[in-house]
Amino acid sequence: MTETAKLTPTFRKTHSPVPWPQIITMRHVLVHDYLGIDLAEVWAVVVRDLPTLKKQIQQMLKPRIKRSPKS
């Protein structure tokens, strides 16, 4: 999550279904406003949004996995 802000605009646009701005905002809150974190909201994001994000990331990685050499 910490590297999300470093992704190029082209990459983010190519993978536009991923909620990049919300991910960047969440990271910012967790890193810089840790005393004001609403743990119930963090847990809600984990339960509600992480499964979908995981699937989206797996889809992004599929082409790389197919190209990687066998060990």
Protein backbone atom coordinates (compact mmCIF):
# COMPACT_ATOMS: atom_id res chain seq x y z
CA MET A 1 0.00 0.00 0.00
CA THR A 2 2.87 2.38 0.69
CA GLU A 3 4.08 2.24 -2.90
CA THR A 4 0.68 3.01 -4.45
CA ALA A 5 1.40 6.72 -4.77
CA LYS A 6 4.51 5.89 -6.83
CA LEU A 7 2.54 4.11 -9.56
CA THR A 8 2.54 5.99 -12.84
CA PRO A 9 -0.64 7.71 -13.97
CA THR A 10 -0.62 5.43 -17.03
CA PHE A 11 -0.57 2.34 -14.85
CA ARG A 12 -3.37 3.67 -12.69
CA LYS A 13 -5.41 4.57 -15.75
CA THR A 14 -4.82 1.12 -17.27
CA HIS A 15 -6.10 -0.43 -14.05
CA SER A 16 -8.82 2.14 -13.41
CA PRO A 17 -11.31 -0.19 -11.65
CA VAL A 18 -8.93 -0.18 -8.69
CA PRO A 19 -9.83 2.71 -6.34
CA TRP A 20 -6.33 4.26 -6.34
CA PRO A 21 -7.28 7.63 -4.79
CA GLN A 22 -9.03 5.91 -1.88
CA ILE A 23 -6.06 3.59 -1.33
CA ILE A 24 -3.66 6.54 -1.27
CA THR A 25 -5.93 8.44 1.13
CA MET A 26 -6.20 5.43 3.45
CA ARG A 27 -2.44 5.05 3.52
CA HIS A 28 -2.04 8.76 4.28
CA VAL A 29 -4.46 8.53 7.21
CA LEU A 30 -2.82 5.39 8.60
CA VAL A 31 0.67 6.86 8.40
CA HIS A 32 0.06 10.48 9.37
CA ASP A 33 -3.10 10.50 11.47
CA TYR A 34 -2.61 7.32 13.45
CA LEU A 35 -4.02 8.87 16.64
CA GLY A 36 -7.24 9.69 14.83
CA ILE A 37 -7.76 6.32 13.17
CA ASP A 38 -11.26 4.88 13.43
CA LEU A 39 -10.52 1.19 13.97
CA ALA A 40 -14.09 0.21 13.14
CA GLU A 41 -13.76 1.93 9.76
CA VAL A 42 -10.39 0.27 9.10
CA TRP A 43 -11.92 -3.12 9.87
CA ALA A 44 -14.91 -2.33 7.65
CA VAL A 45 -12.53 -1.58 4.79
CA VAL A 46 -10.69 -4.86 5.40
CA VAL A 47 -13.89 -6.89 5.37
CA ARG A 48 -15.74 -4.96 2.65
CA ASP A 49 -13.04 -3.85 0.21
CA LEU A 50 -9.96 -6.04 0.57
CA PRO A 51 -11.42 -9.18 -1.05
CA THR A 52 -12.25 -7.20 -4.20
CA LEU A 53 -8.86 -5.48 -4.21
CA LYS A 54 -7.14 -8.85 -3.84
CA LYS A 55 -8.96 -10.16 -6.93
CA GLN A 56 -8.06 -7.02 -8.88
CA ILE A 57 -4.39 -7.36 -7.98
CA GLN A 58 -4.39 -11.05 -8.88
CA GLN A 59 -5.79 -10.13 -12.30
CA MET A 60 -3.03 -7.55 -12.76
CA LEU A 61 -0.37 -10.11 -11.86
CA LYS A 62 -1.63 -12.90 -14.16
CA PRO A 63 0.29 -11.69 -17.24
CA ARG A 64 3.49 -11.41 -15.17
CA ILE A 65 3.09 -14.86 -13.69
CA LYS A 66 2.63 -16.41 -17.15
CA ARG A 67 5.82 -14.69 -18.43
CA SER A 68 8.02 -15.52 -15.44
CA PRO A 69 10.56 -18.31 -15.95
CA LYS A 70 9.95 -21.64 -14.23
CA SER A 71 12.07 -22.32 -11.16
